[in-house]
Amino acid sequence: MITVGVVNTKGSEKENIVLNEEIFAKAGKRTILYEAVKMQLANMRQGNACTKNRAEVNKTGKKPWKQKGTGRARAGSAGSPVWKGGGIVFGPKPRDFGYNVPKKLGKLAVKLALSEKVKANEFIVLDDIDIDLPKTKNFNEILKNLKIENNKVLIVLADKNENIEKSARNIPNVKVLTVKSLNVYDVLNNDKILITKDAVNKIQEVLS
């Protein structure tokens, strides 16, 4: 059984919450995390590098000189790859680098990533984040109370909250996600996970 303290926005501990060991204490090969992160990074690639081949370069199609009698090498087109300004042979073309891993493996990778954060004491559970108006100053105060203002922080919410998103978006190294958008790369790429109690319960419903 794993218990984690639940704190309020002032940084005071209120209660303890029991975490599902199948999600927050999962053991598995680290290669699963590697495959999940590699897939996400591949899907993020734009893949828009492009070069022109000999048919696409803006060159005349006229034969530069006659085939024989000039003493020069044969040439049929100014767009030839061997000429300056000619087409590129086997150059990159726009392509999609994206691919998917099996759903079960993706789900397992999220569990392993969360387990890593719990094990490293980088998992902070908040009872609630109550912000009436979108104000960066108020959100900064919460981070200072929790002593994580100098860390890369991932905020995980149960559902979309516009006030929290707007309050956090101007703070460097702070990212806000809902449980629905939770992913391996963002979990591992941040120093601290700041998650609401409702979001923990929702994760346990979705991933159990």
N, C-alpha and C. Protein backbone atom coordinates (compact mmCIF):
# COMPACT_ATOMS: atom_id res chain seq x y z
N MET A 1 0.84 -1.20 0.00
CA MET A 1 0.00 0.00 0.00
C MET A 1 0.88 1.25 0.00
N ILE A 2 0.55 2.19 -0.87
CA ILE A 2 1.31 3.44 -0.96
C ILE A 2 0.42 4.59 -0.51
N THR A 3 0.93 5.36 0.44
CA THR A 3 0.20 6.54 0.88
C THR A 3 1.03 7.79 0.59
N VAL A 4 0.34 8.83 0.14
CA VAL A 4 0.99 10.10 -0.16
C VAL A 4 0.21 11.21 0.54
N GLY A 5 0.94 12.17 1.08
CA GLY A 5 0.29 13.28 1.76
C GLY A 5 -0.39 14.22 0.77
N VAL A 6 -1.57 14.69 1.16
CA VAL A 6 -2.31 15.66 0.35
C VAL A 6 -2.12 17.04 0.99
N VAL A 7 -1.65 18.00 0.22
CA VAL A 7 -1.40 19.34 0.74
C VAL A 7 -2.39 20.34 0.14
N ASN A 8 -2.51 21.49 0.82
CA ASN A 8 -3.32 22.56 0.26
C ASN A 8 -2.42 23.58 -0.43
N THR A 9 -3.01 24.63 -0.97
CA THR A 9 -2.22 25.61 -1.73
C THR A 9 -1.29 26.42 -0.85
N LYS A 10 -1.44 26.33 0.47
CA LYS A 10 -0.54 27.01 1.40
C LYS A 10 0.69 26.16 1.72
N GLY A 11 0.63 24.89 1.30
CA GLY A 11 1.75 23.99 1.56
C GLY A 11 1.59 23.15 2.81
N SER A 12 0.44 23.27 3.48
CA SER A 12 0.19 22.50 4.70
C SER A 12 -0.44 21.15 4.36
N GLU A 13 0.03 20.11 5.04
CA GLU A 13 -0.51 18.78 4.78
C GLU A 13 -1.86 18.61 5.48
N LYS A 14 -2.84 18.10 4.74
CA LYS A 14 -4.20 17.97 5.28
C LYS A 14 -4.55 16.52 5.63
N GLU A 15 -4.18 15.60 4.74
CA GLU A 15 -4.56 14.20 4.92
C GLU A 15 -3.63 13.32 4.10
N ASN A 16 -3.88 12.02 4.13
CA ASN A 16 -3.14 11.08 3.30
C ASN A 16 -4.09 10.43 2.31
N ILE A 17 -3.55 10.10 1.15
CA ILE A 17 -4.35 9.41 0.13
C ILE A 17 -3.65 8.11 -0.23
N VAL A 18 -4.44 7.05 -0.41
CA VAL A 18 -3.89 5.74 -0.77
C VAL A 18 -3.87 5.63 -2.29
N LEU A 19 -2.70 5.28 -2.83
CA LEU A 19 -2.55 5.16 -4.27
C LEU A 19 -2.62 3.70 -4.70
N ASN A 20 -3.18 3.48 -5.86
CA ASN A 20 -3.27 2.14 -6.43
C ASN A 20 -1.88 1.67 -6.86
N GLU A 21 -1.41 0.58 -6.26
CA GLU A 21 -0.06 0.08 -6.55
C GLU A 21 0.10 -0.39 -7.99
N GLU A 22 -1.01 -0.81 -8.60
CA GLU A 22 -0.95 -1.26 -10.00
C GLU A 22 -0.65 -0.11 -10.96
N ILE A 23 -0.85 1.12 -10.49
CA ILE A 23 -0.62 2.30 -11.34
C ILE A 23 0.59 3.10 -10.87
N PHE A 24 0.70 3.30 -9.57
CA PHE A 24 1.73 4.19 -9.03
C PHE A 24 2.93 3.46 -8.41
N ALA A 25 2.93 2.14 -8.51
CA ALA A 25 4.11 1.38 -8.05
C ALA A 25 4.38 0.23 -9.02
N LYS A 26 4.21 0.52 -10.28
CA LYS A 26 4.34 -0.49 -11.33
C LYS A 26 5.80 -0.74 -11.65
N ALA A 27 6.16 -2.01 -11.79
CA ALA A 27 7.52 -2.37 -12.17
C ALA A 27 7.52 -2.85 -13.62
N GLY A 28 8.57 -2.52 -14.33
CA GLY A 28 8.67 -2.93 -15.72
C GLY A 28 9.98 -2.50 -16.34
N LYS A 29 10.21 -2.96 -17.56
CA LYS A 29 11.47 -2.63 -18.24
C LYS A 29 11.48 -1.16 -18.67
N ARG A 30 12.64 -0.53 -18.52
CA ARG A 30 12.77 0.88 -18.90
C ARG A 30 12.72 1.07 -20.42
N THR A 31 12.92 -0.02 -21.14
CA THR A 31 12.82 0.06 -22.60
C THR A 31 11.40 0.42 -23.05
N ILE A 32 10.41 0.11 -22.20
CA ILE A 32 9.02 0.46 -22.52
C ILE A 32 8.87 1.98 -22.52
N LEU A 33 9.50 2.64 -21.53
CA LEU A 33 9.49 4.10 -21.47
C LEU A 33 10.19 4.68 -22.69
N TYR A 34 11.31 4.06 -23.05
CA TYR A 34 12.09 4.53 -24.21
C TYR A 34 11.25 4.47 -25.48
N GLU A 35 10.55 3.36 -25.68
CA GLU A 35 9.74 3.20 -26.90
C GLU A 35 8.59 4.22 -26.95
N ALA A 36 7.99 4.48 -25.79
CA ALA A 36 6.87 5.43 -25.74
C ALA A 36 7.34 6.86 -26.02
N VAL A 37 8.49 7.23 -25.44
CA VAL A 37 9.02 8.58 -25.65
C VAL A 37 9.49 8.73 -27.09
N LYS A 38 10.13 7.71 -27.63
CA LYS A 38 10.60 7.76 -29.02
C LYS A 38 9.43 7.95 -29.98
N MET A 39 8.31 7.27 -29.71
CA MET A 39 7.13 7.41 -30.54
C MET A 39 6.59 8.84 -30.49
N GLN A 40 6.52 9.41 -29.27
CA GLN A 40 6.00 10.77 -29.13
C GLN A 40 6.88 11.80 -29.85
N LEU A 41 8.19 11.65 -29.71
CA LEU A 41 9.11 12.58 -30.37
C LEU A 41 9.03 12.44 -31.89
N ALA A 42 8.85 11.20 -32.37
CA ALA A 42 8.70 10.98 -33.81
C ALA A 42 7.42 11.63 -34.33
N ASN A 43 6.34 11.53 -33.54
CA ASN A 43 5.06 12.13 -33.95
C ASN A 43 5.10 13.66 -33.92
N MET A 44 6.03 14.21 -33.15
CA MET A 44 6.17 15.66 -33.07
C MET A 44 6.97 16.24 -34.24
N ARG A 45 7.70 15.40 -34.95
CA ARG A 45 8.51 15.88 -36.07
C ARG A 45 7.63 16.41 -37.20
N GLN A 46 8.02 17.54 -37.77
CA GLN A 46 7.23 18.13 -38.84
C GLN A 46 7.42 17.39 -40.16
N GLY A 47 8.62 16.92 -40.41
CA GLY A 47 8.87 16.16 -41.64
C GLY A 47 8.65 16.96 -42.90
N ASN A 48 9.00 18.28 -42.88
CA ASN A 48 8.74 19.11 -44.06
C ASN A 48 10.01 19.49 -44.82
N ALA A 49 11.13 18.82 -44.55
CA ALA A 49 12.36 19.07 -45.32
C ALA A 49 12.12 18.64 -46.77
N CYS A 50 12.55 19.48 -47.71
CA CYS A 50 12.26 19.19 -49.11
C CYS A 50 13.35 19.73 -50.02
N THR A 51 13.77 18.95 -51.00
CA THR A 51 14.71 19.39 -52.03
C THR A 51 14.08 19.13 -53.40
N LYS A 52 14.60 19.80 -54.43
CA LYS A 52 14.08 19.64 -55.78
C LYS A 52 14.95 18.67 -56.58
N ASN A 53 14.29 17.80 -57.31
CA ASN A 53 15.04 16.91 -58.19
C ASN A 53 15.23 17.59 -59.55
N ARG A 54 15.82 16.91 -60.53
CA ARG A 54 16.16 17.54 -61.81
C ARG A 54 14.93 17.98 -62.61
N ALA A 55 13.79 17.36 -62.32
CA ALA A 55 12.56 17.74 -63.02
C ALA A 55 11.92 18.98 -62.41
N GLU A 56 12.29 19.32 -61.17
CA GLU A 56 11.63 20.41 -60.47
C GLU A 56 12.43 21.71 -60.44
N VAL A 57 13.75 21.66 -60.69
CA VAL A 57 14.55 22.88 -60.65
C VAL A 57 14.18 23.79 -61.83
N ASN A 58 14.33 25.09 -61.61
CA ASN A 58 13.96 26.06 -62.64
C ASN A 58 15.10 26.25 -63.63
N LYS A 59 15.24 25.29 -64.50
CA LYS A 59 16.30 25.32 -65.52
C LYS A 59 15.68 25.04 -66.90
N THR A 60 16.35 25.51 -67.93
CA THR A 60 15.87 25.24 -69.29
C THR A 60 16.02 23.76 -69.63
N GLY A 61 15.13 23.29 -70.47
CA GLY A 61 15.22 21.90 -70.91
C GLY A 61 16.03 21.74 -72.19
N LYS A 62 16.53 22.87 -72.67
CA LYS A 62 17.30 22.84 -73.92
C LYS A 62 18.66 22.17 -73.72
N LYS A 63 19.08 21.42 -74.73
CA LYS A 63 20.41 20.78 -74.67
C LYS A 63 21.47 21.89 -74.74
N PRO A 64 22.40 21.92 -73.75
CA PRO A 64 23.37 23.03 -73.69
C PRO A 64 24.24 23.16 -74.94
N TRP A 65 24.71 22.07 -75.50
CA TRP A 65 25.49 22.08 -76.74
C TRP A 65 25.29 20.76 -77.46
N LYS A 66 25.73 20.72 -78.68
CA LYS A 66 25.50 19.51 -79.48
C LYS A 66 26.25 18.32 -78.86
N GLN A 67 25.78 17.14 -79.25
CA GLN A 67 26.29 15.91 -78.63
C GLN A 67 27.76 15.69 -78.94
N LYS A 68 28.17 15.93 -80.19
CA LYS A 68 29.53 15.59 -80.59
C LYS A 68 30.26 16.80 -81.16
N GLY A 69 31.57 16.73 -81.16
CA GLY A 69 32.39 17.71 -81.87
C GLY A 69 32.86 18.90 -81.06
N THR A 70 32.43 19.06 -79.82
CA THR A 70 32.85 20.24 -79.04
C THR A 70 34.06 19.93 -78.17
N GLY A 71 34.34 18.67 -77.96
CA GLY A 71 35.43 18.29 -77.05
C GLY A 71 34.99 18.25 -75.59
N ARG A 72 33.77 18.65 -75.34
CA ARG A 72 33.26 18.62 -73.96
C ARG A 72 32.43 17.36 -73.70
N ALA A 73 32.23 17.09 -72.42
CA ALA A 73 31.42 15.92 -72.05
C ALA A 73 29.98 16.11 -72.51
N ARG A 74 29.33 15.01 -72.78
CA ARG A 74 27.93 15.07 -73.20
C ARG A 74 27.07 15.69 -72.11
N ALA A 75 26.13 16.52 -72.51
CA ALA A 75 25.21 17.14 -71.55
C ALA A 75 23.84 17.26 -72.18
N GLY A 76 22.83 16.86 -71.43
CA GLY A 76 21.49 16.88 -71.99
C GLY A 76 20.57 17.89 -71.32
N SER A 77 20.96 18.37 -70.12
CA SER A 77 20.07 19.28 -69.40
C SER A 77 20.86 20.10 -68.40
N ALA A 78 20.49 21.38 -68.25
CA ALA A 78 21.14 22.24 -67.27
C ALA A 78 20.69 21.90 -65.85
N GLY A 79 19.65 21.09 -65.74
CA GLY A 79 19.16 20.69 -64.41
C GLY A 79 19.79 19.40 -63.92
N SER A 80 20.82 18.93 -64.61
CA SER A 80 21.49 17.69 -64.22
C SER A 80 22.10 17.81 -62.82
N PRO A 81 22.02 16.77 -62.01
CA PRO A 81 22.57 16.82 -60.65
C PRO A 81 24.08 17.10 -60.61
N VAL A 82 24.80 16.84 -61.68
CA VAL A 82 26.25 17.06 -61.66
C VAL A 82 26.60 18.53 -61.93
N TRP A 83 25.61 19.34 -62.28
CA TRP A 83 25.85 20.76 -62.55
C TRP A 83 25.49 21.60 -61.31
N LYS A 84 26.18 22.74 -61.18
CA LYS A 84 25.84 23.69 -60.12
C LYS A 84 24.42 24.22 -60.36
N GLY A 85 23.62 24.20 -59.30
CA GLY A 85 22.24 24.64 -59.44
C GLY A 85 21.31 23.58 -59.98
N GLY A 86 21.84 22.40 -60.21
CA GLY A 86 21.01 21.32 -60.73
C GLY A 86 20.20 20.65 -59.63
N GLY A 87 19.46 19.64 -60.01
CA GLY A 87 18.61 18.93 -59.05
C GLY A 87 19.41 18.11 -58.05
N ILE A 88 18.76 17.75 -56.97
CA ILE A 88 19.38 16.94 -55.91
C ILE A 88 18.94 15.49 -56.09
N VAL A 89 19.92 14.59 -56.00
CA VAL A 89 19.62 13.15 -56.12
C VAL A 89 19.33 12.58 -54.74
N PHE A 90 18.24 11.88 -54.59
CA PHE A 90 17.87 11.20 -53.34
C PHE A 90 17.78 12.17 -52.16
N GLY A 91 17.38 13.41 -52.40
CA GLY A 91 17.22 14.39 -51.32
C GLY A 91 15.95 14.14 -50.53
N PRO A 92 15.80 14.80 -49.38
CA PRO A 92 14.59 14.59 -48.56
C PRO A 92 13.34 15.16 -49.21
N LYS A 93 12.23 14.52 -48.96
CA LYS A 93 10.92 14.98 -49.39
C LYS A 93 9.98 14.99 -48.18
N PRO A 94 8.95 15.83 -48.17
CA PRO A 94 8.03 15.83 -47.03
C PRO A 94 7.51 14.44 -46.73
N ARG A 95 7.55 14.08 -45.45
CA ARG A 95 7.11 12.74 -45.06
C ARG A 95 6.58 12.77 -43.63
N ASP A 96 5.85 11.76 -43.28
CA ASP A 96 5.29 11.62 -41.93
C ASP A 96 6.13 10.62 -41.16
N PHE A 97 6.77 11.08 -40.08
CA PHE A 97 7.61 10.20 -39.26
C PHE A 97 6.80 9.46 -38.19
N GLY A 98 5.53 9.82 -38.06
CA GLY A 98 4.72 9.29 -36.96
C GLY A 98 4.41 7.80 -37.07
N TYR A 99 4.26 7.21 -35.90
CA TYR A 99 3.83 5.81 -35.81
C TYR A 99 3.21 5.60 -34.43
N ASN A 100 2.58 4.48 -34.22
CA ASN A 100 1.93 4.21 -32.93
C ASN A 100 2.47 2.93 -32.32
N VAL A 101 2.54 2.92 -31.00
CA VAL A 101 2.86 1.69 -30.28
C VAL A 101 1.53 1.05 -29.88
N PRO A 102 1.51 -0.24 -29.55
CA PRO A 102 0.26 -0.86 -29.10
C PRO A 102 -0.34 -0.15 -27.89
N LYS A 103 -1.66 -0.10 -27.81
CA LYS A 103 -2.35 0.62 -26.74
C LYS A 103 -1.96 0.12 -25.35
N LYS A 104 -1.82 -1.18 -25.23
CA LYS A 104 -1.45 -1.75 -23.93
C LYS A 104 -0.07 -1.29 -23.49
N LEU A 105 0.84 -1.23 -24.45
CA LEU A 105 2.20 -0.77 -24.13
C LEU A 105 2.20 0.71 -23.75
N GLY A 106 1.39 1.52 -24.46
CA GLY A 106 1.29 2.94 -24.14
C GLY A 106 0.73 3.17 -22.74
N LYS A 107 -0.28 2.38 -22.39
CA LYS A 107 -0.90 2.48 -21.07
C LYS A 107 0.09 2.08 -19.98
N LEU A 108 0.84 1.01 -20.24
CA LEU A 108 1.83 0.55 -19.29
C LEU A 108 2.94 1.58 -19.10
N ALA A 109 3.33 2.23 -20.19
CA ALA A 109 4.40 3.24 -20.13
C ALA A 109 3.99 4.42 -19.24
N VAL A 110 2.72 4.84 -19.31
CA VAL A 110 2.23 5.92 -18.46
C VAL A 110 2.29 5.51 -16.99
N LYS A 111 1.90 4.26 -16.70
CA LYS A 111 1.97 3.75 -15.33
C LYS A 111 3.41 3.75 -14.81
N LEU A 112 4.34 3.28 -15.65
CA LEU A 112 5.74 3.24 -15.25
C LEU A 112 6.30 4.63 -15.00
N ALA A 113 5.92 5.60 -15.86
CA ALA A 113 6.40 6.97 -15.71
C ALA A 113 5.88 7.58 -14.40
N LEU A 114 4.60 7.37 -14.10
CA LEU A 114 4.04 7.87 -12.84
C LEU A 114 4.69 7.20 -11.64
N SER A 115 4.95 5.90 -11.76
CA SER A 115 5.60 5.17 -10.67
C SER A 115 7.00 5.71 -10.39
N GLU A 116 7.71 6.09 -11.46
CA GLU A 116 9.06 6.67 -11.30
C GLU A 116 8.98 7.97 -10.50
N LYS A 117 7.98 8.79 -10.77
CA LYS A 117 7.85 10.07 -10.08
C LYS A 117 7.47 9.88 -8.61
N VAL A 118 6.59 8.92 -8.33
CA VAL A 118 6.21 8.65 -6.95
C VAL A 118 7.40 8.13 -6.17
N LYS A 119 8.15 7.23 -6.79
CA LYS A 119 9.33 6.64 -6.15
C LYS A 119 10.39 7.70 -5.83
N ALA A 120 10.52 8.70 -6.71
CA ALA A 120 11.54 9.74 -6.54
C ALA A 120 11.04 10.93 -5.69
N ASN A 121 9.86 10.80 -5.09
CA ASN A 121 9.25 11.87 -4.29
C ASN A 121 9.08 13.16 -5.10
N GLU A 122 8.72 13.01 -6.35
CA GLU A 122 8.49 14.16 -7.23
C GLU A 122 7.02 14.25 -7.62
N PHE A 123 6.17 13.69 -6.78
CA PHE A 123 4.73 13.59 -7.03
C PHE A 123 4.01 14.30 -5.89
N ILE A 124 3.41 15.46 -6.17
CA ILE A 124 2.75 16.26 -5.14
C ILE A 124 1.25 16.29 -5.40
N VAL A 125 0.48 15.88 -4.39
CA VAL A 125 -0.99 15.84 -4.54
C VAL A 125 -1.59 17.05 -3.81
N LEU A 126 -2.39 17.82 -4.55
CA LEU A 126 -3.08 18.99 -4.00
C LEU A 126 -4.54 18.64 -3.74
N ASP A 127 -5.09 19.17 -2.64
CA ASP A 127 -6.50 18.90 -2.40
C ASP A 127 -7.37 19.57 -3.47
N ASP A 128 -6.96 20.79 -3.87
CA ASP A 128 -7.71 21.50 -4.92
C ASP A 128 -6.95 22.77 -5.29
N ILE A 129 -7.13 23.24 -6.51
CA ILE A 129 -6.57 24.53 -6.92
C ILE A 129 -7.75 25.45 -7.21
N ASP A 130 -7.98 26.38 -6.30
CA ASP A 130 -9.14 27.26 -6.42
C ASP A 130 -8.69 28.65 -6.85
N ILE A 131 -8.87 28.96 -8.14
CA ILE A 131 -8.52 30.28 -8.68
C ILE A 131 -9.75 30.86 -9.34
N ASP A 132 -10.25 31.97 -8.77
CA ASP A 132 -11.46 32.60 -9.30
C ASP A 132 -11.20 33.38 -10.58
N LEU A 133 -10.03 34.04 -10.63
CA LEU A 133 -9.67 34.85 -11.79
C LEU A 133 -8.32 34.41 -12.33
N PRO A 134 -8.15 34.46 -13.65
CA PRO A 134 -6.83 34.08 -14.22
C PRO A 134 -5.78 35.14 -13.89
N LYS A 135 -4.92 34.82 -12.94
CA LYS A 135 -3.90 35.78 -12.51
C LYS A 135 -2.59 35.03 -12.25
N THR A 136 -1.56 35.40 -12.98
CA THR A 136 -0.26 34.72 -12.85
C THR A 136 0.32 34.86 -11.45
N LYS A 137 0.14 36.04 -10.85
CA LYS A 137 0.69 36.30 -9.52
C LYS A 137 0.16 35.30 -8.49
N ASN A 138 -1.14 35.04 -8.55
CA ASN A 138 -1.76 34.09 -7.60
C ASN A 138 -1.21 32.68 -7.77
N PHE A 139 -1.00 32.29 -9.02
CA PHE A 139 -0.48 30.95 -9.26
C PHE A 139 0.98 30.84 -8.83
N ASN A 140 1.73 31.92 -9.03
CA ASN A 140 3.13 31.95 -8.58
C ASN A 140 3.22 31.76 -7.08
N GLU A 141 2.27 32.35 -6.35
CA GLU A 141 2.24 32.22 -4.89
C GLU A 141 2.08 30.76 -4.47
N ILE A 142 1.22 30.04 -5.21
CA ILE A 142 1.01 28.62 -4.89
C ILE A 142 2.31 27.84 -5.07
N LEU A 143 3.01 28.10 -6.18
CA LEU A 143 4.27 27.40 -6.44
C LEU A 143 5.32 27.72 -5.37
N LYS A 144 5.33 28.99 -4.91
CA LYS A 144 6.29 29.38 -3.86
C LYS A 144 5.95 28.72 -2.53
N ASN A 145 4.66 28.62 -2.24
CA ASN A 145 4.24 27.94 -0.99
C ASN A 145 4.64 26.48 -0.98
N LEU A 146 4.62 25.87 -2.16
CA LEU A 146 4.99 24.45 -2.27
C LEU A 146 6.49 24.26 -2.51
N LYS A 147 7.21 25.39 -2.63
CA LYS A 147 8.68 25.39 -2.82
C LYS A 147 9.11 24.68 -4.10
N ILE A 148 8.35 24.91 -5.16
CA ILE A 148 8.70 24.30 -6.45
C ILE A 148 8.76 25.34 -7.55
N GLU A 149 8.91 26.61 -7.17
CA GLU A 149 8.89 27.69 -8.17
C GLU A 149 10.08 27.66 -9.10
N ASN A 150 11.18 26.99 -8.69
CA ASN A 150 12.38 26.93 -9.53
C ASN A 150 12.51 25.62 -10.30
N ASN A 151 11.47 24.81 -10.27
CA ASN A 151 11.47 23.52 -10.95
C ASN A 151 10.62 23.55 -12.22
N LYS A 152 10.89 22.57 -13.09
CA LYS A 152 9.98 22.33 -14.21
C LYS A 152 8.79 21.56 -13.65
N VAL A 153 7.60 22.14 -13.80
CA VAL A 153 6.42 21.56 -13.13
C VAL A 153 5.35 21.21 -14.15
N LEU A 154 4.80 20.01 -14.00
CA LEU A 154 3.65 19.59 -14.80
C LEU A 154 2.43 19.60 -13.89
N ILE A 155 1.43 20.42 -14.24
CA ILE A 155 0.18 20.48 -13.49
C ILE A 155 -0.82 19.54 -14.15
N VAL A 156 -1.35 18.61 -13.38
CA VAL A 156 -2.32 17.65 -13.93
C VAL A 156 -3.68 17.89 -13.27
N LEU A 157 -4.68 18.18 -14.10
CA LEU A 157 -6.04 18.45 -13.62
C LEU A 157 -6.99 17.36 -14.08
N ALA A 158 -8.06 17.19 -13.33
CA ALA A 158 -9.07 16.18 -13.71
C ALA A 158 -9.78 16.60 -14.99
N ASP A 159 -10.13 17.89 -15.07
CA ASP A 159 -10.82 18.42 -16.23
C ASP A 159 -10.24 19.79 -16.61
N LYS A 160 -10.60 20.25 -17.77
CA LYS A 160 -10.11 21.53 -18.27
C LYS A 160 -10.54 22.67 -17.34
N ASN A 161 -9.59 23.57 -17.03
CA ASN A 161 -9.89 24.73 -16.20
C ASN A 161 -9.20 25.95 -16.81
N GLU A 162 -9.99 26.81 -17.42
CA GLU A 162 -9.44 27.94 -18.16
C GLU A 162 -8.68 28.92 -17.27
N ASN A 163 -9.18 29.15 -16.05
CA ASN A 163 -8.51 30.09 -15.13
C ASN A 163 -7.11 29.62 -14.76
N ILE A 164 -6.98 28.31 -14.51
CA ILE A 164 -5.66 27.76 -14.14
C ILE A 164 -4.72 27.79 -15.35
N GLU A 165 -5.24 27.42 -16.51
CA GLU A 165 -4.42 27.40 -17.72
C GLU A 165 -3.90 28.80 -18.06
N LYS A 166 -4.76 29.80 -17.95
CA LYS A 166 -4.34 31.16 -18.25
C LYS A 166 -3.38 31.71 -17.19
N SER A 167 -3.57 31.30 -15.94
CA SER A 167 -2.69 31.75 -14.86
C SER A 167 -1.29 31.18 -14.99
N ALA A 168 -1.20 29.96 -15.52
CA ALA A 168 0.09 29.27 -15.57
C ALA A 168 0.86 29.46 -16.86
N ARG A 169 0.19 29.89 -17.94
CA ARG A 169 0.84 29.86 -19.24
C ARG A 169 1.98 30.87 -19.40
N ASN A 170 2.00 31.92 -18.56
CA ASN A 170 3.10 32.90 -18.64
C ASN A 170 4.25 32.58 -17.71
N ILE A 171 4.14 31.49 -16.97
CA ILE A 171 5.22 31.10 -16.05
C ILE A 171 6.15 30.14 -16.76
N PRO A 172 7.46 30.46 -16.82
CA PRO A 172 8.40 29.57 -17.51
C PRO A 172 8.44 28.19 -16.84
N ASN A 173 8.59 27.16 -17.66
CA ASN A 173 8.76 25.78 -17.19
C ASN A 173 7.56 25.23 -16.43
N VAL A 174 6.37 25.76 -16.72
CA VAL A 174 5.14 25.21 -16.13
C VAL A 174 4.20 24.82 -17.26
N LYS A 175 3.69 23.60 -17.19
CA LYS A 175 2.77 23.12 -18.22
C LYS A 175 1.54 22.53 -17.56
N VAL A 176 0.37 22.79 -18.13
CA VAL A 176 -0.89 22.29 -17.58
C VAL A 176 -1.50 21.27 -18.54
N LEU A 177 -1.86 20.10 -18.00
CA LEU A 177 -2.51 19.06 -18.78
C LEU A 177 -3.71 18.51 -18.01
N THR A 178 -4.67 17.97 -18.74
CA THR A 178 -5.74 17.22 -18.09
C THR A 178 -5.36 15.74 -18.09
N VAL A 179 -6.10 14.95 -17.32
CA VAL A 179 -5.84 13.50 -17.26
C VAL A 179 -5.93 12.89 -18.66
N LYS A 180 -6.86 13.40 -19.45
CA LYS A 180 -7.06 12.88 -20.81
C LYS A 180 -5.82 13.06 -21.68
N SER A 181 -5.06 14.13 -21.43
CA SER A 181 -3.88 14.45 -22.25
C SER A 181 -2.58 13.95 -21.62
N LEU A 182 -2.66 13.27 -20.49
CA LEU A 182 -1.45 12.82 -19.80
C LEU A 182 -0.63 11.89 -20.68
N ASN A 183 0.68 12.13 -20.73
CA ASN A 183 1.54 11.31 -21.59
C ASN A 183 2.90 11.09 -20.95
N VAL A 184 3.61 10.11 -21.44
CA VAL A 184 4.89 9.69 -20.87
C VAL A 184 5.95 10.78 -20.96
N TYR A 185 6.05 11.40 -22.13
CA TYR A 185 7.12 12.40 -22.34
C TYR A 185 7.00 13.56 -21.36
N ASP A 186 5.79 14.11 -21.20
CA ASP A 186 5.63 15.26 -20.29
C ASP A 186 5.83 14.86 -18.83
N VAL A 187 5.46 13.66 -18.47
CA VAL A 187 5.67 13.20 -17.09
C VAL A 187 7.16 13.11 -16.78
N LEU A 188 7.92 12.52 -17.70
CA LEU A 188 9.36 12.34 -17.47
C LEU A 188 10.17 13.61 -17.70
N ASN A 189 9.63 14.52 -18.51
CA ASN A 189 10.38 15.72 -18.89
C ASN A 189 10.25 16.85 -17.87
N ASN A 190 9.52 16.63 -16.78
CA ASN A 190 9.36 17.65 -15.74
C ASN A 190 9.90 17.16 -14.41
N ASP A 191 10.39 18.12 -13.61
CA ASP A 191 10.98 17.77 -12.31
C ASP A 191 9.93 17.35 -11.30
N LYS A 192 8.79 18.03 -11.32
CA LYS A 192 7.74 17.76 -10.34
C LYS A 192 6.40 17.59 -11.04
N ILE A 193 5.58 16.69 -10.49
CA ILE A 193 4.21 16.52 -10.95
C ILE A 193 3.30 17.07 -9.86
N LEU A 194 2.56 18.12 -10.17
CA LEU A 194 1.61 18.71 -9.23
C LEU A 194 0.22 18.31 -9.70
N ILE A 195 -0.43 17.46 -8.93
CA ILE A 195 -1.68 16.85 -9.39
C ILE A 195 -2.77 17.02 -8.34
N THR A 196 -3.97 17.30 -8.80
CA THR A 196 -5.09 17.46 -7.84
C THR A 196 -5.59 16.08 -7.40
N LYS A 197 -6.23 16.08 -6.26
CA LYS A 197 -6.78 14.83 -5.71
C LYS A 197 -7.80 14.22 -6.67
N ASP A 198 -8.62 15.08 -7.28
CA ASP A 198 -9.62 14.60 -8.25
C ASP A 198 -8.95 13.94 -9.45
N ALA A 199 -7.82 14.52 -9.88
CA ALA A 199 -7.10 13.96 -11.02
C ALA A 199 -6.51 12.59 -10.69
N VAL A 200 -6.03 12.42 -9.46
CA VAL A 200 -5.51 11.11 -9.03
C VAL A 200 -6.61 10.06 -9.12
N ASN A 201 -7.78 10.41 -8.59
CA ASN A 201 -8.92 9.47 -8.62
C ASN A 201 -9.32 9.13 -10.06
N LYS A 202 -9.28 10.14 -10.93
CA LYS A 202 -9.65 9.91 -12.31
C LYS A 202 -8.64 9.03 -13.02
N ILE A 203 -7.34 9.23 -12.74
CA ILE A 203 -6.29 8.38 -13.32
C ILE A 203 -6.50 6.93 -12.90
N GLN A 204 -6.83 6.73 -11.63
CA GLN A 204 -7.03 5.38 -11.11
C GLN A 204 -8.25 4.72 -11.75
N GLU A 205 -9.25 5.51 -12.10
CA GLU A 205 -10.41 4.97 -12.82
C GLU A 205 -10.05 4.59 -14.25
N VAL A 206 -9.31 5.47 -14.92
CA VAL A 206 -9.00 5.28 -16.34
C VAL A 206 -7.99 4.16 -16.55
N LEU A 207 -6.95 4.10 -15.72
CA LEU A 207 -5.85 3.16 -15.95
C LEU A 207 -5.97 1.84 -15.21
N SER A 208 -6.94 1.74 -14.30
CA SER A 208 -7.05 0.48 -13.56
C SER A 208 -7.67 -0.61 -14.43
